[in-house]
N, C-alpha and C. Protein backbone atom coordinates (compact mmCIF):
# COMPACT_ATOMS: atom_id res chain seq x y z
N UNK A 1 0.82 -1.19 0.00
CA UNK A 1 0.00 0.00 0.00
C UNK A 1 0.86 1.25 0.00
N UNK A 2 0.38 2.23 -0.67
CA UNK A 2 1.08 3.51 -0.70
C UNK A 2 0.51 4.43 0.37
N UNK A 3 1.41 5.15 1.00
CA UNK A 3 0.95 6.14 1.97
C UNK A 3 0.94 7.50 1.30
N UNK A 4 -0.12 8.22 1.55
CA UNK A 4 -0.24 9.56 0.97
C UNK A 4 0.07 10.60 2.03
N UNK A 5 1.02 11.45 1.73
CA UNK A 5 1.34 12.55 2.65
C UNK A 5 0.28 13.63 2.50
N UNK A 6 -0.14 14.16 3.63
CA UNK A 6 -1.11 15.24 3.56
C UNK A 6 -0.44 16.49 3.05
N UNK A 7 -1.09 17.12 2.13
CA UNK A 7 -0.54 18.34 1.57
C UNK A 7 -1.08 19.53 2.34
N UNK A 8 -0.22 20.47 2.56
CA UNK A 8 -0.59 21.68 3.26
C UNK A 8 -0.70 22.80 2.24
N UNK A 9 -1.65 23.73 2.42
CA UNK A 9 -1.75 24.84 1.47
C UNK A 9 -0.42 25.59 1.42
N UNK A 10 -0.04 25.99 0.22
CA UNK A 10 1.24 26.65 0.03
C UNK A 10 1.34 27.95 0.81
N UNK A 11 0.23 28.69 0.92
CA UNK A 11 0.31 29.98 1.59
C UNK A 11 -0.16 29.92 3.03
N UNK A 12 -0.47 28.76 3.55
CA UNK A 12 -0.94 28.57 4.92
C UNK A 12 -2.14 29.46 5.25
N UNK A 13 -2.97 29.74 4.26
CA UNK A 13 -4.09 30.65 4.48
C UNK A 13 -5.21 30.04 5.30
N UNK A 14 -5.17 28.76 5.56
CA UNK A 14 -6.25 28.12 6.30
C UNK A 14 -5.87 27.79 7.73
N UNK A 15 -4.71 28.21 8.19
CA UNK A 15 -4.26 27.90 9.54
C UNK A 15 -5.10 28.60 10.59
N UNK A 16 -5.31 27.94 11.73
CA UNK A 16 -6.12 28.52 12.80
C UNK A 16 -5.39 29.63 13.53
N UNK A 17 -4.09 29.58 13.60
CA UNK A 17 -3.34 30.55 14.41
C UNK A 17 -2.75 31.68 13.58
N UNK A 18 -3.29 31.89 12.40
CA UNK A 18 -2.78 32.96 11.56
C UNK A 18 -3.14 34.32 12.14
N UNK A 19 -2.33 35.31 11.84
CA UNK A 19 -2.62 36.68 12.26
C UNK A 19 -3.85 37.18 11.52
N UNK A 20 -4.60 38.09 12.12
CA UNK A 20 -5.79 38.62 11.45
C UNK A 20 -5.41 39.32 10.16
N UNK A 21 -6.30 39.26 9.20
CA UNK A 21 -6.07 39.94 7.94
C UNK A 21 -6.30 41.43 8.14
N UNK A 22 -5.89 42.23 7.17
CA UNK A 22 -5.98 43.67 7.29
C UNK A 22 -7.40 44.15 7.52
N UNK A 23 -8.40 43.46 6.98
CA UNK A 23 -9.78 43.90 7.13
C UNK A 23 -10.31 43.64 8.55
N UNK A 24 -9.68 42.73 9.30
CA UNK A 24 -10.08 42.45 10.67
C UNK A 24 -9.25 43.32 11.60
N UNK A 25 -9.91 44.01 12.53
CA UNK A 25 -9.17 44.85 13.46
C UNK A 25 -9.50 44.42 14.88
N UNK A 26 -8.51 44.49 15.74
CA UNK A 26 -8.70 44.13 17.14
C UNK A 26 -9.56 45.18 17.83
N UNK A 27 -10.39 44.73 18.77
CA UNK A 27 -11.17 45.65 19.58
C UNK A 27 -10.40 46.05 20.83
N UNK A 28 -9.56 45.12 21.31
CA UNK A 28 -8.75 45.36 22.51
C UNK A 28 -7.30 45.03 22.22
N UNK A 29 -6.42 45.79 22.85
CA UNK A 29 -5.00 45.47 22.82
C UNK A 29 -4.60 45.08 24.23
N UNK A 30 -3.85 43.98 24.36
CA UNK A 30 -3.29 43.65 25.66
C UNK A 30 -2.32 44.75 26.03
N UNK A 31 -2.02 44.87 27.32
CA UNK A 31 -1.20 45.97 27.81
C UNK A 31 0.14 46.05 27.07
N UNK A 32 0.81 44.91 26.92
CA UNK A 32 2.13 44.94 26.25
C UNK A 32 2.02 45.36 24.79
N UNK A 33 0.90 45.05 24.14
CA UNK A 33 0.71 45.47 22.75
C UNK A 33 0.47 46.97 22.68
N UNK A 34 -0.32 47.49 23.61
CA UNK A 34 -0.57 48.94 23.65
C UNK A 34 0.74 49.69 23.91
N UNK A 35 1.58 49.13 24.80
CA UNK A 35 2.90 49.74 25.06
C UNK A 35 3.69 49.87 23.76
N UNK A 36 3.73 48.77 23.01
CA UNK A 36 4.49 48.74 21.76
C UNK A 36 3.92 49.71 20.74
N UNK A 37 2.61 49.71 20.58
CA UNK A 37 1.98 50.57 19.58
C UNK A 37 2.20 52.05 19.89
N UNK A 38 2.17 52.40 21.18
CA UNK A 38 2.33 53.80 21.56
C UNK A 38 3.77 54.18 21.85
N UNK A 39 4.63 53.18 22.03
CA UNK A 39 6.03 53.46 22.32
C UNK A 39 6.25 54.03 23.70
N UNK A 40 5.43 53.57 24.67
CA UNK A 40 5.53 54.05 26.04
C UNK A 40 5.68 52.87 26.99
N UNK A 41 5.97 53.18 28.25
CA UNK A 41 6.14 52.12 29.26
C UNK A 41 4.80 51.66 29.82
N UNK A 42 4.85 50.56 30.55
CA UNK A 42 3.67 50.01 31.21
C UNK A 42 3.08 51.02 32.20
N UNK A 43 3.94 51.69 32.95
CA UNK A 43 3.44 52.67 33.92
C UNK A 43 2.77 53.85 33.22
N UNK A 44 3.27 54.23 32.06
CA UNK A 44 2.64 55.32 31.30
C UNK A 44 1.26 54.89 30.81
N UNK A 45 1.12 53.64 30.41
CA UNK A 45 -0.19 53.13 29.99
C UNK A 45 -1.19 53.30 31.14
N UNK A 46 -0.80 52.86 32.34
CA UNK A 46 -1.70 52.96 33.49
C UNK A 46 -1.95 54.42 33.89
N UNK A 47 -0.95 55.28 33.73
CA UNK A 47 -1.16 56.70 34.01
C UNK A 47 -2.18 57.29 33.05
N UNK A 48 -2.07 56.94 31.77
CA UNK A 48 -3.02 57.42 30.76
C UNK A 48 -4.43 56.90 31.04
N UNK A 49 -4.53 55.68 31.56
CA UNK A 49 -5.83 55.12 31.96
C UNK A 49 -6.40 55.95 33.11
N UNK A 50 -5.57 56.24 34.13
CA UNK A 50 -6.02 57.01 35.29
C UNK A 50 -6.42 58.43 34.91
N UNK A 51 -5.77 58.99 33.88
CA UNK A 51 -6.11 60.34 33.40
C UNK A 51 -7.33 60.33 32.49
N UNK A 52 -7.82 59.15 32.13
CA UNK A 52 -8.99 59.06 31.27
C UNK A 52 -8.68 59.14 29.78
N UNK A 53 -7.40 59.08 29.43
CA UNK A 53 -7.03 59.17 28.02
C UNK A 53 -7.07 57.82 27.31
N UNK A 54 -6.96 56.72 28.07
CA UNK A 54 -7.11 55.37 27.54
C UNK A 54 -8.18 54.66 28.35
N UNK A 55 -8.87 53.72 27.71
CA UNK A 55 -9.94 52.95 28.36
C UNK A 55 -9.45 51.53 28.59
N UNK A 56 -9.47 51.11 29.86
CA UNK A 56 -9.05 49.77 30.24
C UNK A 56 -10.28 48.91 30.50
N UNK A 57 -10.30 47.71 29.94
CA UNK A 57 -11.39 46.77 30.11
C UNK A 57 -10.83 45.51 30.77
N UNK A 58 -11.47 45.05 31.83
CA UNK A 58 -11.05 43.82 32.48
C UNK A 58 -11.52 42.63 31.65
N UNK A 59 -10.64 41.65 31.51
CA UNK A 59 -10.94 40.40 30.81
C UNK A 59 -10.71 39.29 31.83
N UNK A 60 -11.73 38.88 32.51
CA UNK A 60 -11.56 37.87 33.54
C UNK A 60 -10.98 38.50 34.80
N UNK A 61 -10.43 37.64 35.68
CA UNK A 61 -9.92 38.11 36.97
C UNK A 61 -8.57 38.79 36.87
N UNK A 62 -7.69 38.26 36.04
CA UNK A 62 -6.30 38.74 36.05
C UNK A 62 -5.84 39.40 34.76
N UNK A 63 -6.69 39.50 33.80
CA UNK A 63 -6.28 40.06 32.51
C UNK A 63 -7.06 41.33 32.21
N UNK A 64 -6.44 42.18 31.42
CA UNK A 64 -7.11 43.39 30.99
C UNK A 64 -6.58 43.81 29.64
N UNK A 65 -7.32 44.69 29.00
CA UNK A 65 -6.92 45.18 27.70
C UNK A 65 -7.30 46.64 27.55
N UNK A 66 -6.66 47.30 26.64
CA UNK A 66 -6.92 48.70 26.33
C UNK A 66 -7.72 48.71 25.02
N UNK A 67 -8.82 49.47 24.99
CA UNK A 67 -9.62 49.49 23.77
C UNK A 67 -8.81 50.09 22.63
N UNK A 68 -8.95 49.47 21.47
CA UNK A 68 -8.24 49.96 20.28
C UNK A 68 -8.73 51.36 19.93
N UNK A 69 -10.02 51.61 20.15
CA UNK A 69 -10.58 52.93 19.84
C UNK A 69 -9.91 54.01 20.68
N UNK A 70 -9.64 53.73 21.97
CA UNK A 70 -9.00 54.74 22.81
C UNK A 70 -7.54 54.95 22.42
N UNK A 71 -6.87 53.89 21.98
CA UNK A 71 -5.49 54.03 21.50
C UNK A 71 -5.45 54.91 20.26
N UNK A 72 -6.35 54.62 19.31
CA UNK A 72 -6.39 55.40 18.08
C UNK A 72 -6.80 56.85 18.34
N UNK A 73 -7.73 57.06 19.29
CA UNK A 73 -8.16 58.41 19.64
C UNK A 73 -7.01 59.20 20.26
N UNK A 74 -6.23 58.55 21.12
CA UNK A 74 -5.07 59.21 21.73
C UNK A 74 -4.06 59.63 20.66
N UNK A 75 -3.83 58.76 19.72
CA UNK A 75 -2.90 59.07 18.63
C UNK A 75 -3.42 60.27 17.83
N UNK A 76 -4.71 60.28 17.52
CA UNK A 76 -5.29 61.38 16.74
C UNK A 76 -5.23 62.70 17.52
N UNK A 77 -5.52 62.66 18.83
CA UNK A 77 -5.44 63.87 19.65
C UNK A 77 -4.01 64.42 19.66
N UNK A 78 -3.05 63.53 19.82
CA UNK A 78 -1.65 63.97 19.85
C UNK A 78 -1.17 64.43 18.50
N UNK A 79 -1.71 63.82 17.45
CA UNK A 79 -1.36 64.26 16.10
C UNK A 79 -1.86 65.68 15.86
N UNK A 80 -3.08 65.98 16.35
CA UNK A 80 -3.65 67.32 16.19
C UNK A 80 -2.83 68.35 16.95
N UNK A 81 -2.29 67.98 18.12
CA UNK A 81 -1.48 68.92 18.91
C UNK A 81 -0.15 69.21 18.24
N UNK A 82 0.32 68.29 17.41
CA UNK A 82 1.62 68.45 16.76
C UNK A 82 1.58 69.48 15.64
N UNK A 83 0.38 69.77 15.15
CA UNK A 83 0.28 70.71 14.02
C UNK A 83 -0.03 72.10 14.45
């Protein structure tokens, strides 16, 4: 008997763990992701949350995320101040 090797799609477009496509956008960023996107420290993220400039959402008991909308709004506000 011949054994047939399973073929995998060449572009791996059907994988479950693939990154979201450009048309899909995250609603929440984990704290470390928000840090990277804004180029600030963890303590600055929490300071911005306390000042009301970023919105923090609890995800379960020990996890939280920053809304993508608040990150983008902060960027737009700061962009407007730069001009």
